[in-house]
Protein backbone atom coordinates (compact mmCIF):
# COMPACT_ATOMS: atom_id res chain seq x y z
CA MET A 1 21.34 0.48 15.07
CA ASP A 2 21.61 4.22 15.86
CA PHE A 3 18.29 6.11 15.05
CA ASN A 4 19.85 9.65 15.48
CA ASP A 5 20.63 11.55 12.28
CA THR A 6 24.32 11.56 11.12
CA PRO A 7 25.56 14.81 9.92
CA GLU A 8 24.76 13.80 6.44
CA GLU A 9 21.44 12.67 7.25
CA ALA A 10 20.60 15.98 9.17
CA ALA A 11 21.79 17.95 6.33
CA PHE A 12 19.34 16.06 4.06
CA ARG A 13 16.57 16.46 6.62
CA ALA A 14 17.18 20.26 6.65
CA GLU A 15 16.95 20.38 2.70
CA ALA A 16 13.83 18.26 2.65
CA ARG A 17 12.15 20.28 5.26
CA ALA A 18 12.92 23.65 3.57
CA TRP A 19 11.77 22.29 0.27
CA LEU A 20 8.52 21.00 1.70
CA ALA A 21 7.92 24.19 3.56
CA ALA A 22 8.29 26.12 0.30
CA HIS A 23 6.00 23.81 -1.89
CA ALA A 24 3.79 21.30 0.14
CA PRO A 25 1.24 24.05 1.49
CA ALA A 26 -0.08 24.68 -1.97
CA HIS A 27 -0.89 21.19 -2.41
CA ALA A 28 -2.09 20.17 1.23
CA LEU A 29 -5.69 19.56 2.01
CA ARG A 30 -7.50 21.61 4.51
CA GLU A 31 -8.47 20.07 7.81
CA GLY A 32 -11.49 17.74 7.09
CA GLU A 33 -11.39 18.44 3.42
CA ARG A 34 -12.64 15.71 1.20
CA LEU A 35 -12.26 15.71 -2.70
CA GLU A 36 -14.11 14.10 -5.43
CA ASP A 37 -12.17 10.99 -6.70
CA ALA A 38 -11.18 12.70 -9.88
CA GLU A 39 -10.14 15.74 -8.27
CA GLU A 40 -8.08 13.83 -5.56
CA ALA A 41 -6.40 11.85 -8.38
CA ARG A 42 -5.46 15.01 -10.32
CA ARG A 43 -3.91 16.90 -7.19
CA GLY A 44 -2.10 13.59 -6.35
CA ARG A 45 -0.57 13.46 -9.72
CA ALA A 46 0.14 17.15 -9.43
CA TRP A 47 2.09 16.61 -6.24
CA GLN A 48 3.90 13.83 -7.43
CA ARG A 49 5.11 15.95 -10.48
CA ALA A 50 6.14 18.60 -7.88
CA LEU A 51 8.23 15.99 -6.08
CA TYR A 52 9.89 14.90 -9.31
CA ASP A 53 10.58 18.39 -10.68
CA GLY A 54 12.33 19.06 -6.90
CA GLY A 55 14.42 15.80 -6.97
CA PHE A 56 12.36 14.05 -4.25
CA ALA A 57 10.60 11.34 -6.31
CA GLY A 58 12.11 7.78 -6.07
CA ILE A 59 14.66 8.62 -3.59
CA THR A 60 16.35 5.19 -3.65
CA LEU A 61 15.82 4.65 -7.26
CA PRO A 62 18.79 5.05 -9.61
CA ARG A 63 19.27 8.23 -11.36
CA GLU A 64 19.16 6.55 -14.83
CA LEU A 65 15.61 5.60 -14.06
CA GLY A 66 14.60 8.95 -13.05
CA GLY A 67 15.29 8.61 -9.25
CA ARG A 68 17.51 10.42 -6.78
CA GLY A 69 19.89 7.62 -6.29
CA GLY A 70 19.73 8.06 -2.55
CA THR A 71 19.71 5.86 0.34
CA VAL A 72 16.91 4.15 2.26
CA ILE A 73 17.43 6.19 5.27
CA GLU A 74 17.05 9.39 3.15
CA ALA A 75 13.83 7.93 1.93
CA VAL A 76 12.45 7.38 5.36
CA VAL A 77 13.54 10.81 6.55
CA PHE A 78 11.76 12.51 3.52
CA HIS A 79 8.54 10.54 4.30
CA GLU A 80 8.81 11.64 8.14
CA GLU A 81 9.01 15.24 7.00
CA GLU A 82 6.39 14.82 4.16
CA SER A 83 3.90 13.21 6.67
CA ARG A 84 3.74 16.56 8.53
CA TYR A 85 1.34 17.91 5.71
CA ASN A 86 -1.95 16.58 4.61
CA ILE A 87 -1.04 15.66 0.95
CA PRO A 88 -3.45 13.94 -1.33
CA LYS A 89 -1.29 10.76 -1.87
CA GLY A 90 -3.54 7.95 -1.84
CA PRO A 91 -3.33 4.33 -3.59
CA TYR A 92 -3.52 6.09 -6.89
CA ILE A 93 0.15 7.21 -6.26
CA THR A 94 1.39 4.82 -3.57
CA ILE A 95 0.61 1.63 -5.62
CA GLY A 96 2.78 2.89 -8.38
CA LEU A 97 5.61 4.09 -6.20
CA GLY A 98 5.74 1.37 -3.44
CA MET A 99 4.45 -1.65 -5.57
CA ALA A 100 5.00 -1.14 -9.35
CA LEU A 101 8.45 0.31 -8.88
CA HIS A 102 9.53 -2.29 -6.43
CA VAL A 103 8.30 -5.25 -8.65
CA LEU A 104 9.96 -3.61 -11.78
CA ALA A 105 13.24 -3.26 -10.09
CA HIS A 106 13.54 -6.88 -9.12
CA HIS A 107 11.83 -8.58 -12.08
CA GLY A 108 11.66 -6.01 -14.82
CA SER A 109 13.66 -6.11 -18.14
CA PRO A 110 15.96 -2.89 -18.84
CA GLU A 111 13.28 -1.96 -21.45
CA GLN A 112 10.43 -2.39 -19.09
CA LYS A 113 12.31 -0.14 -16.51
CA ALA A 114 13.01 2.42 -19.03
CA ARG A 115 9.26 2.57 -20.20
CA TYR A 116 7.45 2.50 -16.77
CA CYS A 117 9.79 3.96 -13.96
CA GLU A 118 10.15 7.63 -15.06
CA PRO A 119 6.40 8.22 -15.95
CA THR A 120 5.44 6.61 -12.61
CA LEU A 121 7.70 8.95 -10.79
CA LYS A 122 6.46 11.96 -12.49
CA GLY A 123 2.78 11.07 -11.70
CA GLU A 124 1.97 10.53 -15.36
CA MET A 125 1.27 6.90 -14.87
CA THR A 126 -0.70 5.65 -11.98
CA TRP A 127 -1.34 1.85 -10.95
CA CYS A 128 -3.68 -0.35 -9.38
CA GLN A 129 -3.31 -3.89 -7.98
CA LEU A 130 -5.16 -6.70 -9.81
CA PHE A 131 -4.68 -9.50 -7.43
CA SER A 132 -7.74 -10.76 -5.33
CA GLU A 133 -10.86 -12.36 -6.79
CA PRO A 134 -14.30 -13.31 -5.53
CA SER A 135 -12.79 -16.95 -4.60
CA ALA A 136 -9.35 -15.89 -4.06
CA GLY A 137 -8.81 -13.28 -1.20
CA SER A 138 -6.70 -14.32 1.80
CA ASP A 139 -5.79 -17.59 -0.23
CA LEU A 140 -4.50 -15.61 -3.28
CA ALA A 141 -3.18 -18.64 -4.90
CA ASN A 142 -6.75 -19.93 -5.56
CA LEU A 143 -7.18 -17.23 -8.30
CA ARG A 144 -9.09 -18.38 -11.47
CA THR A 145 -8.24 -15.55 -13.85
CA LYS A 146 -6.84 -17.37 -17.11
CA ALA A 147 -4.08 -16.07 -19.35
CA ALA A 148 -3.83 -18.20 -22.64
CA LYS A 149 -1.73 -17.89 -25.85
CA GLU A 150 -3.64 -18.88 -28.93
CA GLU A 151 -2.70 -22.19 -30.36
CA GLY A 152 0.68 -22.27 -32.10
CA ALA A 153 1.57 -18.73 -30.59
CA ARG A 154 5.33 -17.95 -30.26
CA GLU A 155 7.15 -15.63 -27.87
CA GLY A 156 6.35 -12.20 -28.61
CA ASP A 157 2.64 -12.92 -29.44
CA GLU A 158 -0.10 -11.79 -27.18
CA TRP A 159 -1.96 -13.41 -24.10
CA VAL A 160 -5.73 -13.46 -23.88
CA VAL A 161 -7.00 -12.82 -20.34
CA ASN A 162 -10.28 -13.62 -18.90
CA GLY A 163 -11.44 -13.29 -15.31
CA GLN A 164 -12.65 -11.19 -12.59
CA LYS A 165 -10.69 -9.25 -9.84
CA VAL A 166 -12.15 -7.50 -6.79
CA TRP A 167 -11.29 -4.90 -4.19
CA SER A 168 -8.98 -3.16 -6.83
CA SER A 169 -8.13 0.04 -5.05
CA TRP A 170 -8.48 3.06 -7.42
CA ALA A 171 -8.65 1.02 -10.43
CA HIS A 172 -11.33 3.35 -11.97
CA HIS A 173 -8.58 5.98 -12.00
CA ALA A 174 -5.55 4.07 -12.73
CA ASP A 175 -3.63 3.90 -16.04
CA TRP A 176 -2.04 0.62 -15.54
CA GLY A 177 -2.76 -2.48 -13.65
CA LEU A 178 -0.34 -5.11 -11.96
CA LEU A 179 -2.14 -8.48 -12.93
CA VAL A 180 -1.45 -12.12 -11.84
CA ALA A 181 -3.32 -14.74 -13.87
CA ARG A 182 -3.18 -18.53 -14.25
CA HIS A 183 -1.52 -19.75 -17.50
CA ASP A 184 -1.39 -23.42 -16.64
CA PRO A 185 -4.10 -25.06 -14.41
CA SER A 186 -2.44 -28.46 -14.57
CA LEU A 187 0.17 -27.21 -11.98
CA PRO A 188 -0.25 -26.86 -8.17
CA LYS A 189 -1.86 -23.67 -7.44
CA HIS A 190 1.09 -21.61 -6.33
CA LYS A 191 2.75 -22.36 -9.91
CA GLY A 192 1.32 -22.05 -13.23
CA LEU A 193 0.98 -18.37 -12.46
CA SER A 194 2.31 -15.34 -14.66
CA PHE A 195 2.49 -11.77 -14.00
CA PHE A 196 1.56 -8.85 -16.35
CA LEU A 197 1.35 -5.09 -16.69
CA VAL A 198 -1.91 -4.36 -18.26
CA ASP A 199 -3.05 -0.97 -19.81
CA MET A 200 -6.52 -0.32 -17.98
CA LYS A 201 -7.60 1.28 -21.26
CA THR A 202 -7.35 -1.92 -23.20
CA PRO A 203 -10.53 -3.20 -24.81
CA GLY A 204 -12.20 -5.77 -22.58
CA VAL A 205 -11.28 -4.19 -19.27
CA GLU A 206 -14.27 -2.97 -17.27
CA THR A 207 -14.13 -1.39 -13.76
CA ARG A 208 -17.15 -1.16 -11.54
CA PRO A 209 -16.66 0.92 -8.38
CA ILE A 210 -18.07 -0.46 -4.99
CA ARG A 211 -19.91 1.92 -2.63
CA GLN A 212 -18.57 1.45 0.81
CA ILE A 213 -19.93 2.18 4.32
CA SER A 214 -17.95 5.40 4.29
CA GLY A 215 -19.71 6.41 1.25
CA ALA A 216 -16.71 6.64 -0.97
CA SER A 217 -15.82 4.27 -3.89
CA ASP A 218 -12.22 3.38 -3.35
CA PHE A 219 -12.53 -0.13 -4.35
CA ASN A 220 -13.63 -1.79 -7.60
CA GLU A 221 -14.70 -4.93 -9.34
CA THR A 222 -12.64 -5.25 -12.45
CA PHE A 223 -13.88 -7.75 -15.27
CA LEU A 224 -11.41 -8.80 -18.06
CA THR A 225 -13.03 -10.21 -21.16
CA ASP A 226 -10.90 -11.41 -24.02
CA VAL A 227 -8.26 -8.67 -22.99
CA ARG A 228 -5.18 -8.94 -25.23
CA ILE A 229 -1.91 -8.23 -23.54
CA PRO A 230 1.41 -8.16 -25.42
CA ASP A 231 4.00 -10.75 -24.30
CA ALA A 232 6.32 -7.81 -23.91
CA ASN A 233 4.18 -6.81 -20.92
CA ARG A 234 4.90 -10.07 -19.17
CA LEU A 235 7.00 -9.30 -16.06
CA GLY A 236 9.55 -11.97 -15.17
CA LYS A 237 9.50 -15.55 -16.79
CA VAL A 238 6.47 -17.44 -17.55
CA GLY A 239 5.68 -19.15 -14.13
CA ASP A 240 7.16 -16.32 -12.12
CA GLY A 241 3.69 -15.02 -11.15
CA TRP A 242 3.86 -16.05 -7.40
CA ALA A 243 7.41 -14.66 -6.86
CA CYS A 244 6.22 -11.32 -8.37
CA CYS A 245 3.25 -11.43 -6.06
CA MET A 246 5.44 -11.84 -2.95
CA THR A 247 7.73 -9.07 -4.06
CA VAL A 248 4.60 -6.75 -4.31
CA LEU A 249 3.10 -7.98 -1.01
CA SER A 250 6.53 -7.62 0.82
CA SER A 251 6.79 -4.07 -0.14
CA GLU A 252 3.12 -3.38 0.64
CA ARG A 253 3.54 -4.83 4.22
CA ILE A 254 6.76 -2.97 5.10
CA GLY A 255 4.98 0.30 3.87
CA SER A 256 1.77 -0.38 5.86
CA GLY A 257 3.08 1.53 8.90
CA SER A 258 2.37 5.27 8.89
CA PRO A 259 5.30 7.57 9.06
CA ARG A 260 3.08 10.00 10.66
CA GLU A 261 3.33 10.48 14.66
CA ALA A 262 -0.31 9.47 14.91
CA VAL A 263 -0.36 8.74 18.60
CA GLN A 264 0.81 12.33 19.47
CA GLU A 265 -2.03 13.68 16.98
CA MET A 266 -4.45 11.62 18.90
CA VAL A 267 -3.17 13.01 22.11
CA GLU A 268 -3.74 16.52 20.81
CA TYR A 269 -7.14 15.75 19.40
CA ILE A 270 -8.21 14.34 22.96
CA ARG A 271 -6.84 17.42 24.54
CA ARG A 272 -8.87 19.66 22.39
CA THR A 273 -12.14 17.89 22.39
CA GLY A 274 -12.13 15.20 25.08
CA ARG A 275 -14.50 15.74 28.01
CA GLY A 276 -13.97 13.72 31.19
CA ALA A 277 -16.75 12.02 33.37
CA ASP A 278 -16.16 14.88 36.00
CA GLY A 279 -16.13 17.66 33.62
CA GLY A 280 -12.52 17.80 33.13
CA ASN A 281 -10.37 16.74 30.19
CA ALA A 282 -10.37 13.11 29.00
CA LEU A 283 -6.60 13.05 29.30
CA ASP A 284 -7.03 13.34 33.12
CA SER A 285 -8.23 9.64 32.93
CA ALA A 286 -5.48 7.35 33.95
CA ALA A 287 -7.03 4.57 31.71
CA ASN A 288 -6.79 6.80 28.73
CA ARG A 289 -3.32 7.84 29.41
CA VAL A 290 -2.31 4.07 29.84
CA ALA A 291 -4.06 3.28 26.48
CA LEU A 292 -2.09 6.10 24.72
CA ALA A 293 1.12 5.21 26.30
CA GLN A 294 0.72 1.59 25.06
CA ALA A 295 -0.27 2.96 21.54
CA LEU A 296 2.86 5.12 21.53
CA ALA A 297 5.32 2.15 22.54
CA GLU A 298 3.94 -0.04 19.69
CA GLU A 299 3.97 2.76 17.26
CA ARG A 300 7.74 3.41 18.03
CA GLY A 301 8.46 -0.30 17.93
CA GLU A 302 6.86 -0.48 14.45
CA LYS A 303 8.77 2.49 13.13
CA TYR A 304 12.18 1.09 14.37
CA LEU A 305 11.45 -2.41 13.00
CA ALA A 306 10.36 -0.88 9.77
CA ALA A 307 13.84 0.87 9.64
CA ARG A 308 15.43 -2.30 10.27
CA LEU A 309 13.92 -3.92 7.35
CA ARG A 310 14.30 -1.23 5.06
CA THR A 311 18.12 -1.33 5.92
CA MET A 312 17.90 -5.18 5.15
CA ILE A 313 16.35 -4.36 1.66
CA SER A 314 19.12 -1.71 0.92
CA ARG A 315 21.64 -4.32 1.50
CA GLY A 316 20.09 -6.90 -0.86
CA GLU A 317 18.77 -8.96 1.94
CA ASP A 318 15.00 -10.43 1.82
CA PRO A 319 13.05 -9.66 5.01
CA GLY A 320 10.50 -12.42 3.87
CA ALA A 321 7.75 -13.10 6.41
CA MET A 322 9.17 -10.41 8.91
CA ALA A 323 7.48 -7.86 6.72
CA ALA A 324 4.23 -9.38 7.81
CA MET A 325 4.94 -8.40 11.44
CA ILE A 326 4.78 -4.59 10.53
CA LYS A 327 1.55 -4.81 8.80
CA LEU A 328 0.16 -6.96 11.62
CA ALA A 329 1.12 -4.69 14.25
CA TYR A 330 0.15 -1.57 12.66
CA ALA A 331 -3.43 -2.66 11.70
CA GLY A 332 -4.45 -3.71 15.08
CA ARG A 333 -2.83 -0.75 17.02
CA ASN A 334 -4.18 1.65 14.53
CA GLN A 335 -7.94 0.60 14.88
CA LYS A 336 -7.56 0.23 18.57
CA MET A 337 -6.23 3.77 18.98
CA LEU A 338 -8.88 5.32 16.62
CA GLY A 339 -11.42 3.40 18.64
CA LEU A 340 -10.24 5.14 21.76
CA GLY A 341 -10.45 8.41 20.04
CA MET A 342 -14.17 7.55 18.96
CA GLU A 343 -15.05 6.59 22.60
CA VAL A 344 -13.55 9.57 24.15
CA ARG A 345 -15.30 12.02 21.78
CA GLY A 346 -18.70 10.28 22.53
CA LEU A 347 -21.81 10.68 20.52
CA ASP A 348 -20.39 13.43 18.51
CA ALA A 349 -18.00 11.12 16.88
CA LEU A 350 -20.89 9.22 15.38
CA ALA A 351 -22.67 12.39 14.28
CA ALA A 352 -20.27 15.30 13.82
CA ALA A 353 -21.25 18.86 12.89
CA PRO A 354 -20.36 19.64 9.32
CA ASP A 355 -17.83 22.04 10.29
CA ALA A 356 -16.06 19.62 12.64
CA GLY A 357 -13.30 18.68 10.31
CA ASP A 358 -11.09 17.00 12.81
CA THR A 359 -13.95 14.77 14.16
CA LEU A 360 -15.07 14.00 10.63
CA GLY A 361 -11.69 12.77 9.79
CA LEU A 362 -11.53 10.46 12.85
CA HIS A 363 -14.83 8.94 11.90
CA TYR A 364 -13.65 8.41 8.32
CA GLU A 365 -10.23 6.95 9.48
CA TYR A 366 -11.93 4.75 11.99
CA ILE A 367 -14.18 3.08 9.38
CA TRP A 368 -11.24 2.77 7.02
CA SER A 369 -9.00 1.11 9.79
CA THR A 370 -11.17 -2.01 9.61
CA VAL A 371 -10.06 -2.71 6.06
CA MET A 372 -6.30 -2.76 7.07
CA ARG A 373 -7.06 -5.92 9.05
CA ILE A 374 -7.71 -7.73 5.85
CA ALA A 375 -6.14 -5.77 2.83
CA GLY A 376 -2.76 -6.88 2.07
CA GLY A 377 -3.03 -9.96 4.04
CA ALA A 378 -5.63 -10.79 6.92
CA ASP A 379 -4.52 -10.96 10.43
CA GLU A 380 -4.96 -14.83 10.55
CA VAL A 381 -2.76 -15.50 7.53
CA LEU A 382 0.04 -12.99 8.55
CA ARG A 383 -0.01 -14.71 12.13
CA ASN A 384 0.54 -18.17 10.23
CA GLN A 385 3.24 -16.74 8.39
CA ILE A 386 5.06 -15.48 11.24
CA ALA A 387 4.56 -18.55 13.20
CA GLU A 388 5.86 -20.74 10.51
CA ARG A 389 8.60 -18.67 8.48
CA VAL A 390 9.92 -16.50 11.37
CA LEU A 391 9.45 -18.52 14.47
CA GLY A 392 9.89 -22.08 12.79
CA MET A 393 6.81 -23.51 14.46
CA PRO A 394 5.13 -26.49 12.62
CA GLY A 395 3.19 -25.57 9.53
CA ASP A 396 -0.73 -26.14 8.97
CA TRP A 397 -1.66 -29.35 7.31
CA ARG A 398 -2.23 -28.52 3.64
CA PRO A 399 -4.29 -31.06 1.71
CA ASP A 400 -3.75 -28.93 -1.51
CA LYS A 401 0.02 -29.12 -1.48
CA ASN A 402 1.45 -30.31 -4.89
CA VAL A 403 -2.11 -31.12 -6.17
CA PRO A 404 -2.73 -29.72 -9.73
CA PHE A 405 -5.02 -26.79 -9.59
CA ASP A 406 -7.62 -28.25 -11.93
CA GLN A 407 -8.03 -31.34 -9.44
CA LEU A 408 -8.72 -29.20 -6.54
């Protein structure tokens, strides 16, 4: 495929670049700036509303759902240009754009699409993901949260949900949650699951922020006690829970790679701050240059593979387990590259001065990079998926296959 802009794409890039230059600086964070959770979420919502008003929210979503009706390549171009600015656009926004809209597009009813898509694009409705549990992390299908209808209930009645979720990113500031729960434990664990959209203000929903090593509380425990969810908030058919989960996770993994030219940013950071052993610049080191060159090659490879997979999706094709390759490659390369930056900076990277915004940012990103080796699929799980579903290698022995969940 040709990665150069066509004349139409070049015109769109110029339009996007001009619009961003006029609007993004007012929303961008200063170098090293950190916001309290509530303020960051507020500013993220404000930026999303600005995108909507400017015609750049939901670029690939049809116009009747509030989107631009554009192409996948236009979405990639805009994200490349947007990444030049340090915009507050964390999971409180991206879960809605990259996961909620994606699963709604594939499994939602016309009424659900009309209700949820446009408010999400406007930043008026933010989302969290209620998947993982204390006993269901990498093995998500082991989840125990129960969704039950009262005896004699009919179509259109409510579901009563009880259980616990964990690692729920920004659930404490989310309006709605993407919830998977078990409605039939007599079926094998990948079956008997259903998918729901839950209002996080529903009685019985309790979020408890988890304090992390970085000092932030991005993650939460979420407890659901006799939470009543209307059947109209069920996504897909009863039993479609695992298919909905795979739709969400495929979108998450393809979107895991960053549109930023992060390696070039690291080169510039090392050029400014790195000191060599002989008093020169750390870029004089052949070992450092080789490590950065390898990271750059991997970054470009991820970028082009992601473009290929997005093109497949735009054609209605399912990339399947190939999406795992993006996430696996990005998570390992990003942590290794940030670790190089920490090593080059030396002790200052561990205890940076309060006004050293770029080094404080590096420290924070390095700590966060460890999360990406697990979130959205642990490295080991993704390697198994690639081996079995992409390379066609023999699968692992699964003693729980076709065994009813309540007999495991």
